Amino acid sequence: MSKHVLMVVTNASEMKEGHATGIWLSEFGEAYVAFQKEGYTITVASPNGGLSPIDARSLEDEVPADIQATAPLLENTIDLKSISDFSAFDAIFMPGGHGTMFDLPHSDALNHALRTLFEAGKTVAAVCHGPAGLVSATLTDGTPLVAGKTIATFTDEEERATGLDIYMPFLLETRLRELGANIIVADNFTENVQVDGNLVTGQNPQSTVAVANAVIKTLN
């Protein structure tokens, strides 16, 4: 039986003050390609369906052809609210991009998906700003999903280094710590992956491939 991965991406195209944003293409593409090579079935969804805009900054350096080839998959994503049964999925993966900060924390459908999959022992994974999707995620008893969990996420120091911290609704590392997460921090923009049971997280774009491989290891 092929494993089935739900990839949840952002619909947000703007940060504060109208600055353009979206998804970081490599974080989506590198994971998608890794899962595809394993023969997994992949469903790409977003809080509202339709376009997941690509952050232009993620295209500034040369993008490998196999990653570029995943971009059309972001043009017409499935509306997460239209998925009533999450039992068919073996894992959920949330790539980053600053857009995630503006819509993933507010998606009730995402919170439901995360709770359902996590409590069923399925793999929950996120990289860079993807853990923004974990900010509002709670277990059935109401406790934050990340409470007491060891995770990695885009750090406050990295956010300040991008100069985009002033356009964020909150600082992701700080918020996750407030929710009780134990965050392991590596040097800025170096690979850092944390696996705590069925929760797999990575710090930055440089961690995407390692996060995807860790997800594959949990599924295989």
N, C-alpha and C. Protein backbone atom coordinates (compact mmCIF):
# COMPACT_ATOMS: atom_id res chain seq x y z
N MET A 1 0.84 -1.20 0.00
CA MET A 1 0.00 0.00 0.00
C MET A 1 0.87 1.25 0.00
N SER A 2 0.60 2.14 -0.94
CA SER A 2 1.34 3.40 -0.99
C SER A 2 0.96 4.28 0.20
N LYS A 3 1.95 4.92 0.79
CA LYS A 3 1.68 5.88 1.86
C LYS A 3 1.06 7.13 1.26
N HIS A 4 0.24 7.82 2.05
CA HIS A 4 -0.46 9.00 1.57
C HIS A 4 -0.08 10.20 2.43
N VAL A 5 0.53 11.20 1.81
CA VAL A 5 0.99 12.39 2.53
C VAL A 5 0.13 13.60 2.15
N LEU A 6 -0.33 14.30 3.16
CA LEU A 6 -1.07 15.55 2.96
C LEU A 6 -0.10 16.71 3.13
N MET A 7 0.14 17.47 2.08
CA MET A 7 0.98 18.66 2.16
C MET A 7 0.07 19.88 2.24
N VAL A 8 0.23 20.65 3.31
CA VAL A 8 -0.62 21.83 3.53
C VAL A 8 0.21 23.08 3.32
N VAL A 9 -0.22 23.91 2.38
CA VAL A 9 0.53 25.11 1.99
C VAL A 9 -0.30 26.37 2.24
N THR A 10 0.36 27.50 2.22
CA THR A 10 -0.29 28.78 2.51
C THR A 10 -1.04 29.34 1.30
N ASN A 11 -2.06 30.13 1.59
CA ASN A 11 -2.72 30.94 0.56
C ASN A 11 -2.33 32.41 0.65
N ALA A 12 -1.63 32.79 1.71
CA ALA A 12 -1.36 34.20 1.97
C ALA A 12 -0.34 34.77 0.99
N SER A 13 -0.65 35.94 0.46
CA SER A 13 0.24 36.59 -0.52
C SER A 13 0.86 37.87 0.01
N GLU A 14 0.43 38.30 1.21
CA GLU A 14 0.95 39.57 1.75
C GLU A 14 1.29 39.44 3.23
N MET A 15 2.34 40.17 3.62
CA MET A 15 2.67 40.36 5.02
C MET A 15 2.07 41.69 5.45
N LYS A 16 2.43 42.15 6.64
CA LYS A 16 2.01 43.48 7.07
C LYS A 16 2.53 44.53 6.10
N GLU A 17 1.81 45.62 6.00
CA GLU A 17 2.18 46.77 5.15
C GLU A 17 2.26 46.41 3.67
N GLY A 18 1.56 45.34 3.29
CA GLY A 18 1.44 45.00 1.88
C GLY A 18 2.65 44.37 1.23
N HIS A 19 3.64 43.96 2.03
CA HIS A 19 4.81 43.31 1.45
C HIS A 19 4.43 41.92 0.95
N ALA A 20 4.84 41.62 -0.28
CA ALA A 20 4.48 40.34 -0.89
C ALA A 20 5.17 39.18 -0.19
N THR A 21 4.46 38.07 -0.13
CA THR A 21 5.02 36.85 0.47
C THR A 21 4.35 35.65 -0.18
N GLY A 22 4.44 34.51 0.47
CA GLY A 22 3.84 33.28 -0.06
C GLY A 22 4.57 32.08 0.49
N ILE A 23 4.65 31.04 -0.32
CA ILE A 23 5.34 29.81 0.06
C ILE A 23 6.79 29.88 -0.42
N TRP A 24 7.69 29.22 0.31
CA TRP A 24 9.10 29.13 -0.11
C TRP A 24 9.21 27.88 -0.97
N LEU A 25 9.45 28.08 -2.28
CA LEU A 25 9.29 26.98 -3.24
C LEU A 25 10.14 25.77 -2.90
N SER A 26 11.40 25.97 -2.50
CA SER A 26 12.26 24.80 -2.26
C SER A 26 11.73 23.93 -1.13
N GLU A 27 11.10 24.55 -0.14
CA GLU A 27 10.59 23.78 0.99
C GLU A 27 9.43 22.89 0.58
N PHE A 28 8.64 23.35 -0.37
CA PHE A 28 7.60 22.51 -0.93
C PHE A 28 8.20 21.49 -1.90
N GLY A 29 8.98 22.01 -2.84
CA GLY A 29 9.47 21.17 -3.94
C GLY A 29 10.41 20.05 -3.50
N GLU A 30 11.34 20.37 -2.61
CA GLU A 30 12.29 19.35 -2.16
C GLU A 30 11.58 18.21 -1.44
N ALA A 31 10.61 18.56 -0.61
CA ALA A 31 9.85 17.53 0.09
C ALA A 31 8.97 16.73 -0.87
N TYR A 32 8.30 17.44 -1.78
CA TYR A 32 7.44 16.76 -2.74
C TYR A 32 8.22 15.74 -3.56
N VAL A 33 9.39 16.17 -4.06
CA VAL A 33 10.23 15.28 -4.87
C VAL A 33 10.67 14.07 -4.05
N ALA A 34 11.05 14.28 -2.79
CA ALA A 34 11.48 13.18 -1.94
C ALA A 34 10.35 12.17 -1.73
N PHE A 35 9.14 12.68 -1.47
CA PHE A 35 7.99 11.79 -1.26
C PHE A 35 7.61 11.06 -2.55
N GLN A 36 7.71 11.78 -3.66
CA GLN A 36 7.39 11.21 -4.97
C GLN A 36 8.32 10.04 -5.29
N LYS A 37 9.59 10.21 -4.96
CA LYS A 37 10.58 9.15 -5.23
C LYS A 37 10.28 7.89 -4.43
N GLU A 38 9.60 8.05 -3.30
CA GLU A 38 9.21 6.89 -2.49
C GLU A 38 7.93 6.23 -2.99
N GLY A 39 7.31 6.86 -3.99
CA GLY A 39 6.07 6.31 -4.53
C GLY A 39 4.84 6.67 -3.72
N TYR A 40 4.96 7.67 -2.85
CA TYR A 40 3.83 8.07 -2.02
C TYR A 40 2.76 8.76 -2.86
N THR A 41 1.52 8.63 -2.42
CA THR A 41 0.43 9.44 -2.95
C THR A 41 0.49 10.78 -2.21
N ILE A 42 0.41 11.89 -2.93
CA ILE A 42 0.55 13.21 -2.31
C ILE A 42 -0.66 14.06 -2.65
N THR A 43 -1.28 14.62 -1.62
CA THR A 43 -2.38 15.56 -1.80
C THR A 43 -1.91 16.93 -1.33
N VAL A 44 -2.07 17.93 -2.19
CA VAL A 44 -1.65 19.29 -1.85
C VAL A 44 -2.90 20.12 -1.56
N ALA A 45 -2.98 20.61 -0.32
CA ALA A 45 -4.15 21.37 0.11
C ALA A 45 -3.72 22.67 0.77
N SER A 46 -4.67 23.58 0.95
CA SER A 46 -4.41 24.87 1.59
C SER A 46 -5.68 25.28 2.34
N PRO A 47 -5.58 26.26 3.25
CA PRO A 47 -6.76 26.63 4.04
C PRO A 47 -7.98 26.99 3.22
N ASN A 48 -7.78 27.63 2.06
CA ASN A 48 -8.92 28.06 1.25
C ASN A 48 -8.96 27.46 -0.14
N GLY A 49 -7.99 26.60 -0.46
CA GLY A 49 -7.94 26.03 -1.79
C GLY A 49 -7.42 27.04 -2.81
N GLY A 50 -7.21 26.59 -4.02
CA GLY A 50 -6.75 27.48 -5.08
C GLY A 50 -5.27 27.76 -5.00
N LEU A 51 -4.88 28.99 -5.35
CA LEU A 51 -3.48 29.35 -5.50
C LEU A 51 -2.73 29.43 -4.17
N SER A 52 -1.56 28.81 -4.16
CA SER A 52 -0.59 29.05 -3.10
C SER A 52 0.53 29.87 -3.75
N PRO A 53 0.57 31.18 -3.49
CA PRO A 53 1.52 32.05 -4.19
C PRO A 53 2.95 31.75 -3.77
N ILE A 54 3.86 31.80 -4.73
CA ILE A 54 5.28 31.54 -4.46
C ILE A 54 5.97 32.85 -4.11
N ASP A 55 6.68 32.85 -3.00
CA ASP A 55 7.46 34.03 -2.60
C ASP A 55 8.57 34.26 -3.62
N ALA A 56 8.60 35.43 -4.22
CA ALA A 56 9.59 35.73 -5.26
C ALA A 56 11.02 35.59 -4.76
N ARG A 57 11.21 35.82 -3.46
CA ARG A 57 12.57 35.70 -2.91
C ARG A 57 13.10 34.28 -3.01
N SER A 58 12.19 33.31 -3.04
CA SER A 58 12.62 31.91 -3.11
C SER A 58 13.05 31.52 -4.52
N LEU A 59 12.90 32.44 -5.46
CA LEU A 59 13.29 32.18 -6.85
C LEU A 59 14.54 32.95 -7.26
N GLU A 60 15.12 33.69 -6.30
CA GLU A 60 16.24 34.56 -6.64
C GLU A 60 17.51 33.78 -6.97
N ASP A 61 17.76 32.70 -6.26
CA ASP A 61 18.90 31.85 -6.60
C ASP A 61 18.43 30.81 -7.61
N GLU A 62 19.39 30.15 -8.24
CA GLU A 62 19.03 29.16 -9.25
C GLU A 62 18.23 28.03 -8.62
N VAL A 63 17.08 27.73 -9.21
CA VAL A 63 16.20 26.69 -8.70
C VAL A 63 16.36 25.45 -9.59
N PRO A 64 16.72 24.30 -9.00
CA PRO A 64 16.87 23.08 -9.81
C PRO A 64 15.60 22.76 -10.59
N ALA A 65 15.77 22.12 -11.72
CA ALA A 65 14.65 21.86 -12.63
C ALA A 65 13.56 21.02 -11.96
N ASP A 66 13.96 20.03 -11.14
CA ASP A 66 12.94 19.17 -10.53
C ASP A 66 12.11 19.93 -9.50
N ILE A 67 12.72 20.95 -8.89
CA ILE A 67 11.97 21.78 -7.94
C ILE A 67 11.06 22.75 -8.71
N GLN A 68 11.57 23.34 -9.77
CA GLN A 68 10.76 24.22 -10.61
C GLN A 68 9.52 23.49 -11.12
N ALA A 69 9.69 22.20 -11.42
CA ALA A 69 8.60 21.40 -12.00
C ALA A 69 7.44 21.20 -11.04
N THR A 70 7.66 21.46 -9.74
CA THR A 70 6.57 21.30 -8.77
C THR A 70 5.71 22.56 -8.65
N ALA A 71 6.18 23.68 -9.19
CA ALA A 71 5.46 24.95 -9.04
C ALA A 71 4.02 24.89 -9.53
N PRO A 72 3.73 24.25 -10.68
CA PRO A 72 2.33 24.22 -11.14
C PRO A 72 1.38 23.53 -10.15
N LEU A 73 1.91 22.68 -9.28
CA LEU A 73 1.06 22.00 -8.30
C LEU A 73 0.48 22.97 -7.28
N LEU A 74 1.06 24.17 -7.21
CA LEU A 74 0.61 25.18 -6.25
C LEU A 74 -0.45 26.11 -6.82
N GLU A 75 -0.79 25.92 -8.10
CA GLU A 75 -1.72 26.84 -8.76
C GLU A 75 -3.18 26.57 -8.42
N ASN A 76 -3.50 25.33 -8.08
CA ASN A 76 -4.91 24.99 -7.80
C ASN A 76 -4.98 23.90 -6.74
N THR A 77 -4.67 24.29 -5.50
CA THR A 77 -4.65 23.32 -4.41
C THR A 77 -6.07 22.99 -3.95
N ILE A 78 -6.20 21.87 -3.25
CA ILE A 78 -7.49 21.45 -2.69
C ILE A 78 -7.80 22.29 -1.45
N ASP A 79 -9.06 22.64 -1.27
CA ASP A 79 -9.51 23.34 -0.07
C ASP A 79 -9.49 22.35 1.09
N LEU A 80 -8.70 22.64 2.10
CA LEU A 80 -8.58 21.75 3.25
C LEU A 80 -9.93 21.49 3.91
N LYS A 81 -10.81 22.49 3.85
CA LYS A 81 -12.14 22.36 4.46
C LYS A 81 -13.00 21.31 3.76
N SER A 82 -12.63 20.95 2.53
CA SER A 82 -13.42 19.98 1.77
C SER A 82 -13.05 18.54 2.12
N ILE A 83 -11.98 18.35 2.92
CA ILE A 83 -11.58 17.00 3.33
C ILE A 83 -12.26 16.68 4.66
N SER A 84 -13.20 15.76 4.62
CA SER A 84 -13.97 15.45 5.84
C SER A 84 -13.35 14.32 6.65
N ASP A 85 -12.57 13.47 5.98
CA ASP A 85 -11.99 12.31 6.66
C ASP A 85 -10.49 12.29 6.43
N PHE A 86 -9.74 12.40 7.51
CA PHE A 86 -8.28 12.42 7.41
C PHE A 86 -7.65 11.06 7.68
N SER A 87 -8.47 10.03 7.86
CA SER A 87 -7.94 8.72 8.24
C SER A 87 -7.11 8.08 7.13
N ALA A 88 -7.31 8.53 5.88
CA ALA A 88 -6.56 7.94 4.77
C ALA A 88 -5.12 8.41 4.70
N PHE A 89 -4.80 9.48 5.44
CA PHE A 89 -3.45 10.05 5.37
C PHE A 89 -2.53 9.42 6.42
N ASP A 90 -1.29 9.18 6.01
CA ASP A 90 -0.28 8.64 6.91
C ASP A 90 0.60 9.73 7.50
N ALA A 91 0.60 10.89 6.88
CA ALA A 91 1.44 12.00 7.36
C ALA A 91 0.89 13.32 6.84
N ILE A 92 1.20 14.38 7.58
CA ILE A 92 0.91 15.74 7.14
C ILE A 92 2.22 16.51 7.19
N PHE A 93 2.48 17.29 6.15
CA PHE A 93 3.73 18.04 6.05
C PHE A 93 3.41 19.49 5.70
N MET A 94 3.95 20.42 6.49
CA MET A 94 3.72 21.84 6.26
C MET A 94 5.02 22.54 5.91
N PRO A 95 5.23 22.89 4.63
CA PRO A 95 6.40 23.68 4.26
C PRO A 95 6.19 25.14 4.66
N GLY A 96 7.27 25.90 4.66
CA GLY A 96 7.18 27.27 5.13
C GLY A 96 7.08 28.31 4.04
N GLY A 97 7.68 29.44 4.31
CA GLY A 97 7.42 30.67 3.58
C GLY A 97 6.68 31.56 4.56
N HIS A 98 6.95 32.86 4.52
CA HIS A 98 6.35 33.77 5.50
C HIS A 98 4.82 33.81 5.43
N GLY A 99 4.26 33.40 4.30
CA GLY A 99 2.81 33.39 4.18
C GLY A 99 2.13 32.54 5.24
N THR A 100 2.79 31.46 5.65
CA THR A 100 2.18 30.55 6.63
C THR A 100 1.84 31.26 7.94
N MET A 101 2.60 32.32 8.25
CA MET A 101 2.39 33.04 9.51
C MET A 101 1.04 33.74 9.55
N PHE A 102 0.47 33.97 8.37
CA PHE A 102 -0.74 34.79 8.28
C PHE A 102 -2.03 33.98 8.08
N ASP A 103 -1.91 32.69 7.73
CA ASP A 103 -3.17 31.95 7.57
C ASP A 103 -3.19 30.59 8.28
N LEU A 104 -2.07 29.90 8.37
CA LEU A 104 -2.13 28.57 8.99
C LEU A 104 -2.60 28.60 10.45
N PRO A 105 -2.17 29.60 11.26
CA PRO A 105 -2.63 29.60 12.65
C PRO A 105 -4.14 29.81 12.81
N HIS A 106 -4.81 30.27 11.76
CA HIS A 106 -6.22 30.61 11.85
C HIS A 106 -7.13 29.58 11.16
N SER A 107 -6.55 28.48 10.72
CA SER A 107 -7.32 27.49 9.97
C SER A 107 -7.86 26.41 10.90
N ASP A 108 -9.17 26.43 11.13
CA ASP A 108 -9.80 25.40 11.96
C ASP A 108 -9.66 24.02 11.31
N ALA A 109 -9.73 23.99 9.99
CA ALA A 109 -9.60 22.72 9.28
C ALA A 109 -8.21 22.12 9.49
N LEU A 110 -7.19 22.98 9.49
CA LEU A 110 -5.83 22.49 9.73
C LEU A 110 -5.70 21.98 11.16
N ASN A 111 -6.25 22.73 12.11
CA ASN A 111 -6.19 22.30 13.50
C ASN A 111 -6.84 20.93 13.67
N HIS A 112 -7.97 20.74 13.01
CA HIS A 112 -8.67 19.45 13.08
C HIS A 112 -7.81 18.34 12.47
N ALA A 113 -7.19 18.63 11.32
CA ALA A 113 -6.35 17.64 10.65
C ALA A 113 -5.16 17.26 11.53
N LEU A 114 -4.51 18.27 12.12
CA LEU A 114 -3.34 18.02 12.96
C LEU A 114 -3.70 17.18 14.18
N ARG A 115 -4.79 17.56 14.84
CA ARG A 115 -5.23 16.81 16.03
C ARG A 115 -5.55 15.36 15.67
N THR A 116 -6.32 15.19 14.60
CA THR A 116 -6.75 13.85 14.18
C THR A 116 -5.55 12.97 13.86
N LEU A 117 -4.62 13.49 13.06
CA LEU A 117 -3.49 12.68 12.63
C LEU A 117 -2.52 12.43 13.78
N PHE A 118 -2.24 13.46 14.57
CA PHE A 118 -1.29 13.31 15.66
C PHE A 118 -1.79 12.30 16.69
N GLU A 119 -3.05 12.42 17.06
CA GLU A 119 -3.59 11.52 18.08
C GLU A 119 -3.76 10.09 17.57
N ALA A 120 -3.77 9.94 16.24
CA ALA A 120 -3.84 8.60 15.65
C ALA A 120 -2.44 8.00 15.47
N GLY A 121 -1.42 8.74 15.91
CA GLY A 121 -0.05 8.25 15.78
C GLY A 121 0.54 8.44 14.41
N LYS A 122 -0.13 9.23 13.57
CA LYS A 122 0.40 9.52 12.23
C LYS A 122 1.50 10.58 12.34
N THR A 123 2.30 10.72 11.29
CA THR A 123 3.42 11.64 11.31
C THR A 123 2.96 13.08 11.03
N VAL A 124 3.35 14.00 11.90
CA VAL A 124 3.08 15.43 11.73
C VAL A 124 4.43 16.11 11.54
N ALA A 125 4.60 16.82 10.42
CA ALA A 125 5.90 17.40 10.10
C ALA A 125 5.76 18.82 9.57
N ALA A 126 6.78 19.62 9.85
CA ALA A 126 6.80 21.01 9.38
C ALA A 126 8.24 21.49 9.33
N VAL A 127 8.48 22.48 8.46
CA VAL A 127 9.83 23.02 8.34
C VAL A 127 9.79 24.54 8.22
N CYS A 128 10.78 25.20 8.82
CA CYS A 128 10.98 26.64 8.73
C CYS A 128 9.80 27.40 9.35
N HIS A 129 9.00 28.10 8.54
CA HIS A 129 7.80 28.76 9.06
C HIS A 129 6.58 27.84 9.06
N GLY A 130 6.74 26.62 8.55
CA GLY A 130 5.63 25.66 8.57
C GLY A 130 5.08 25.40 9.97
N PRO A 131 5.96 25.41 11.02
CA PRO A 131 5.43 25.23 12.37
C PRO A 131 4.44 26.30 12.81
N ALA A 132 4.26 27.36 12.02
CA ALA A 132 3.17 28.30 12.31
C ALA A 132 1.84 27.56 12.36
N GLY A 133 1.75 26.46 11.60
CA GLY A 133 0.54 25.65 11.62
C GLY A 133 0.31 24.96 12.95
N LEU A 134 1.38 24.85 13.77
CA LEU A 134 1.25 24.19 15.07
C LEU A 134 0.83 25.15 16.18
N VAL A 135 0.85 26.45 15.88
CA VAL A 135 0.61 27.47 16.91
C VAL A 135 -0.76 27.33 17.56
N SER A 136 -1.78 27.04 16.78
CA SER A 136 -3.13 26.93 17.33
C SER A 136 -3.58 25.49 17.50
N ALA A 137 -2.70 24.54 17.17
CA ALA A 137 -3.08 23.13 17.23
C ALA A 137 -3.18 22.66 18.68
N THR A 138 -4.31 22.08 19.02
CA THR A 138 -4.52 21.56 20.37
C THR A 138 -4.95 20.11 20.30
N LEU A 139 -4.65 19.37 21.36
CA LEU A 139 -5.10 18.00 21.49
C LEU A 139 -6.55 17.99 21.98
N THR A 140 -7.15 16.82 22.02
CA THR A 140 -8.55 16.71 22.42
C THR A 140 -8.80 17.30 23.80
N ASP A 141 -7.81 17.18 24.69
CA ASP A 141 -7.98 17.71 26.05
C ASP A 141 -7.71 19.20 26.15
N GLY A 142 -7.42 19.84 25.00
CA GLY A 142 -7.24 21.29 24.98
C GLY A 142 -5.81 21.76 25.15
N THR A 143 -4.89 20.87 25.46
CA THR A 143 -3.50 21.30 25.61
C THR A 143 -2.86 21.53 24.25
N PRO A 144 -1.92 22.49 24.15
CA PRO A 144 -1.24 22.71 22.88
C PRO A 144 -0.51 21.46 22.41
N LEU A 145 -0.60 21.17 21.13
CA LEU A 145 0.05 19.98 20.59
C LEU A 145 1.55 20.00 20.87
N VAL A 146 2.16 21.20 20.85
CA VAL A 146 3.62 21.30 21.00
C VAL A 146 4.08 21.30 22.45
N ALA A 147 3.17 21.37 23.41
CA ALA A 147 3.55 21.46 24.82
C ALA A 147 4.40 20.25 25.22
N GLY A 148 5.59 20.54 25.73
CA GLY A 148 6.48 19.48 26.17
C GLY A 148 7.21 18.75 25.05
N LYS A 149 6.99 19.17 23.80
CA LYS A 149 7.63 18.51 22.66
C LYS A 149 8.94 19.22 22.30
N THR A 150 9.91 18.44 21.87
CA THR A 150 11.18 19.00 21.40
C THR A 150 11.09 19.21 19.89
N ILE A 151 11.25 20.46 19.48
CA ILE A 151 11.05 20.80 18.07
C ILE A 151 12.12 21.76 17.57
N ALA A 152 12.12 21.96 16.27
CA ALA A 152 12.92 23.00 15.62
C ALA A 152 11.96 23.88 14.83
N THR A 153 12.32 25.15 14.69
CA THR A 153 11.51 26.09 13.93
C THR A 153 12.40 27.24 13.49
N PHE A 154 11.93 28.04 12.54
CA PHE A 154 12.65 29.25 12.15
C PHE A 154 12.81 30.10 13.40
N THR A 155 14.04 30.51 13.69
CA THR A 155 14.32 31.16 14.96
C THR A 155 14.09 32.67 14.91
N ASP A 156 13.95 33.26 16.09
CA ASP A 156 13.81 34.71 16.17
C ASP A 156 15.05 35.39 15.59
N GLU A 157 16.22 34.80 15.84
CA GLU A 157 17.46 35.39 15.33
C GLU A 157 17.50 35.33 13.81
N GLU A 158 17.04 34.24 13.24
CA GLU A 158 16.99 34.14 11.78
C GLU A 158 15.98 35.15 11.23
N GLU A 159 14.86 35.31 11.92
CA GLU A 159 13.84 36.26 11.46
C GLU A 159 14.41 37.67 11.43
N ARG A 160 15.14 38.03 12.48
CA ARG A 160 15.75 39.36 12.51
C ARG A 160 16.79 39.50 11.41
N ALA A 161 17.50 38.41 11.11
CA ALA A 161 18.52 38.44 10.05
C ALA A 161 17.90 38.69 8.68
N THR A 162 16.66 38.23 8.49
CA THR A 162 15.99 38.48 7.20
C THR A 162 15.52 39.92 7.09
N GLY A 163 15.39 40.61 8.24
CA GLY A 163 14.86 41.96 8.25
C GLY A 163 13.35 42.01 8.15
N LEU A 164 12.72 40.83 8.19
CA LEU A 164 11.26 40.77 8.02
C LEU A 164 10.51 40.61 9.34
N ASP A 165 11.25 40.60 10.44
CA ASP A 165 10.60 40.42 11.74
C ASP A 165 9.55 41.49 12.01
N ILE A 166 9.79 42.72 11.52
CA ILE A 166 8.86 43.82 11.78
C ILE A 166 7.54 43.66 11.02
N TYR A 167 7.53 42.77 10.03
CA TYR A 167 6.31 42.56 9.25
C TYR A 167 5.54 41.31 9.67
N MET A 168 6.01 40.64 10.73
CA MET A 168 5.38 39.41 11.20
C MET A 168 4.32 39.70 12.26
N PRO A 169 3.28 38.89 12.32
CA PRO A 169 2.25 39.08 13.36
C PRO A 169 2.76 38.66 14.74
N PHE A 170 3.78 37.82 14.76
CA PHE A 170 4.44 37.39 16.00
C PHE A 170 5.74 36.70 15.60
N LEU A 171 6.63 36.49 16.56
CA LEU A 171 7.85 35.74 16.30
C LEU A 171 7.59 34.28 16.61
N LEU A 172 7.86 33.42 15.65
CA LEU A 172 7.44 32.02 15.73
C LEU A 172 8.13 31.27 16.86
N GLU A 173 9.44 31.43 16.99
CA GLU A 173 10.13 30.73 18.08
C GLU A 173 9.57 31.13 19.44
N THR A 174 9.41 32.44 19.63
CA THR A 174 8.88 32.94 20.90
C THR A 174 7.50 32.38 21.20
N ARG A 175 6.62 32.40 20.20
CA ARG A 175 5.25 31.92 20.40
C ARG A 175 5.23 30.43 20.76
N LEU A 176 6.03 29.64 20.06
CA LEU A 176 6.05 28.21 20.33
C LEU A 176 6.62 27.90 21.71
N ARG A 177 7.61 28.70 22.13
CA ARG A 177 8.13 28.53 23.50
C ARG A 177 7.03 28.86 24.52
N GLU A 178 6.26 29.90 24.24
CA GLU A 178 5.16 30.28 25.15
C GLU A 178 4.13 29.16 25.28
N LEU A 179 4.02 28.34 24.25
CA LEU A 179 3.07 27.22 24.25
C LEU A 179 3.65 25.98 24.92
N GLY A 180 4.91 26.09 25.36
CA GLY A 180 5.50 24.98 26.10
C GLY A 180 6.42 24.08 25.30
N ALA A 181 6.76 24.48 24.08
CA ALA A 181 7.68 23.68 23.28
C ALA A 181 9.12 23.85 23.76
N ASN A 182 9.88 22.78 23.67
CA ASN A 182 11.32 22.81 23.94
C ASN A 182 12.01 22.94 22.58
N ILE A 183 12.53 24.13 22.29
CA ILE A 183 13.07 24.39 20.96
C ILE A 183 14.58 24.27 20.96
N ILE A 184 15.07 23.42 20.06
CA ILE A 184 16.51 23.26 19.86
C ILE A 184 16.93 24.20 18.73
N VAL A 185 17.92 25.05 19.02
CA VAL A 185 18.34 26.08 18.06
C VAL A 185 19.74 25.76 17.54
N ALA A 186 19.90 25.79 16.24
CA ALA A 186 21.21 25.66 15.61
C ALA A 186 21.63 27.02 15.06
N ASP A 187 22.86 27.12 14.58
CA ASP A 187 23.33 28.37 13.99
C ASP A 187 22.40 28.78 12.86
N ASN A 188 22.33 30.08 12.62
CA ASN A 188 21.46 30.60 11.56
C ASN A 188 21.68 29.87 10.24
N PHE A 189 20.58 29.44 9.64
CA PHE A 189 20.57 28.88 8.29
C PHE A 189 21.50 27.67 8.14
N THR A 190 21.53 26.85 9.21
CA THR A 190 22.21 25.55 9.13
C THR A 190 21.19 24.46 9.44
N GLU A 191 21.44 23.28 8.93
CA GLU A 191 20.49 22.19 9.06
C GLU A 191 20.24 21.81 10.51
N ASN A 192 18.96 21.67 10.85
CA ASN A 192 18.57 21.27 12.20
C ASN A 192 17.21 20.58 12.12
N VAL A 193 17.19 19.30 12.41
CA VAL A 193 15.95 18.52 12.39
C VAL A 193 15.75 17.89 13.76
N GLN A 194 14.54 17.96 14.26
CA GLN A 194 14.20 17.35 15.54
C GLN A 194 13.05 16.37 15.34
N VAL A 195 13.21 15.17 15.91
CA VAL A 195 12.16 14.16 15.85
C VAL A 195 11.77 13.81 17.28
N ASP A 196 10.51 14.05 17.62
CA ASP A 196 9.99 13.73 18.95
C ASP A 196 8.77 12.86 18.75
N GLY A 197 8.96 11.54 18.82
CA GLY A 197 7.87 10.63 18.53
C GLY A 197 7.43 10.76 17.08
N ASN A 198 6.14 11.08 16.87
CA ASN A 198 5.63 11.23 15.51
C ASN A 198 5.60 12.69 15.05
N LEU A 199 6.34 13.56 15.78
CA LEU A 199 6.43 14.98 15.40
C LEU A 199 7.83 15.25 14.85
N VAL A 200 7.88 15.73 13.60
CA VAL A 200 9.14 15.96 12.90
C VAL A 200 9.20 17.42 12.46
N THR A 201 10.25 18.14 12.88
CA THR A 201 10.32 19.56 12.55
C THR A 201 11.74 19.96 12.14
N GLY A 202 11.83 21.02 11.33
CA GLY A 202 13.12 21.53 10.89
C GLY A 202 13.18 23.04 10.97
N GLN A 203 14.39 23.57 11.09
CA GLN A 203 14.57 24.98 11.44
C GLN A 203 14.42 25.96 10.29
N ASN A 204 14.81 25.57 9.08
CA ASN A 204 14.95 26.55 8.00
C ASN A 204 14.95 25.85 6.64
N PRO A 205 15.05 26.61 5.55
CA PRO A 205 15.06 25.96 4.23
C PRO A 205 16.17 24.92 4.08
N GLN A 206 17.28 25.15 4.75
CA GLN A 206 18.42 24.24 4.66
C GLN A 206 18.12 22.88 5.30
N SER A 207 17.02 22.80 6.03
CA SER A 207 16.66 21.57 6.74
C SER A 207 15.60 20.74 6.01
N THR A 208 15.10 21.23 4.88
CA THR A 208 13.95 20.58 4.24
C THR A 208 14.20 19.14 3.84
N VAL A 209 15.29 18.89 3.17
CA VAL A 209 15.58 17.53 2.70
C VAL A 209 15.70 16.58 3.88
N ALA A 210 16.38 17.02 4.93
CA ALA A 210 16.55 16.18 6.11
C ALA A 210 15.21 15.92 6.81
N VAL A 211 14.34 16.91 6.84
CA VAL A 211 13.01 16.71 7.42
C VAL A 211 12.23 15.70 6.59
N ALA A 212 12.26 15.87 5.27
CA ALA A 212 11.55 14.94 4.39
C ALA A 212 12.07 13.51 4.58
N ASN A 213 13.39 13.38 4.70
CA ASN A 213 13.96 12.04 4.91
C ASN A 213 13.56 11.46 6.25
N ALA A 214 13.44 12.33 7.26
CA ALA A 214 13.00 11.86 8.58
C ALA A 214 11.54 11.40 8.53
N VAL A 215 10.71 12.11 7.75
CA VAL A 215 9.32 11.70 7.56
C VAL A 215 9.28 10.33 6.88
N ILE A 216 10.08 10.19 5.84
CA ILE A 216 10.14 8.91 5.10
C ILE A 216 10.55 7.78 6.04
N LYS A 217 11.50 8.06 6.92
CA LYS A 217 11.96 7.03 7.87
C LYS A 217 10.82 6.62 8.81
N THR A 218 10.02 7.58 9.24
CA THR A 218 8.89 7.25 10.13
C THR A 218 7.84 6.43 9.39
N LEU A 219 7.69 6.66 8.08
CA LEU A 219 6.65 5.98 7.32
C LEU A 219 7.09 4.61 6.82
N ASN A 220 8.39 4.43 6.63
CA ASN A 220 8.87 3.17 6.06
C ASN A 220 9.33 2.18 7.13
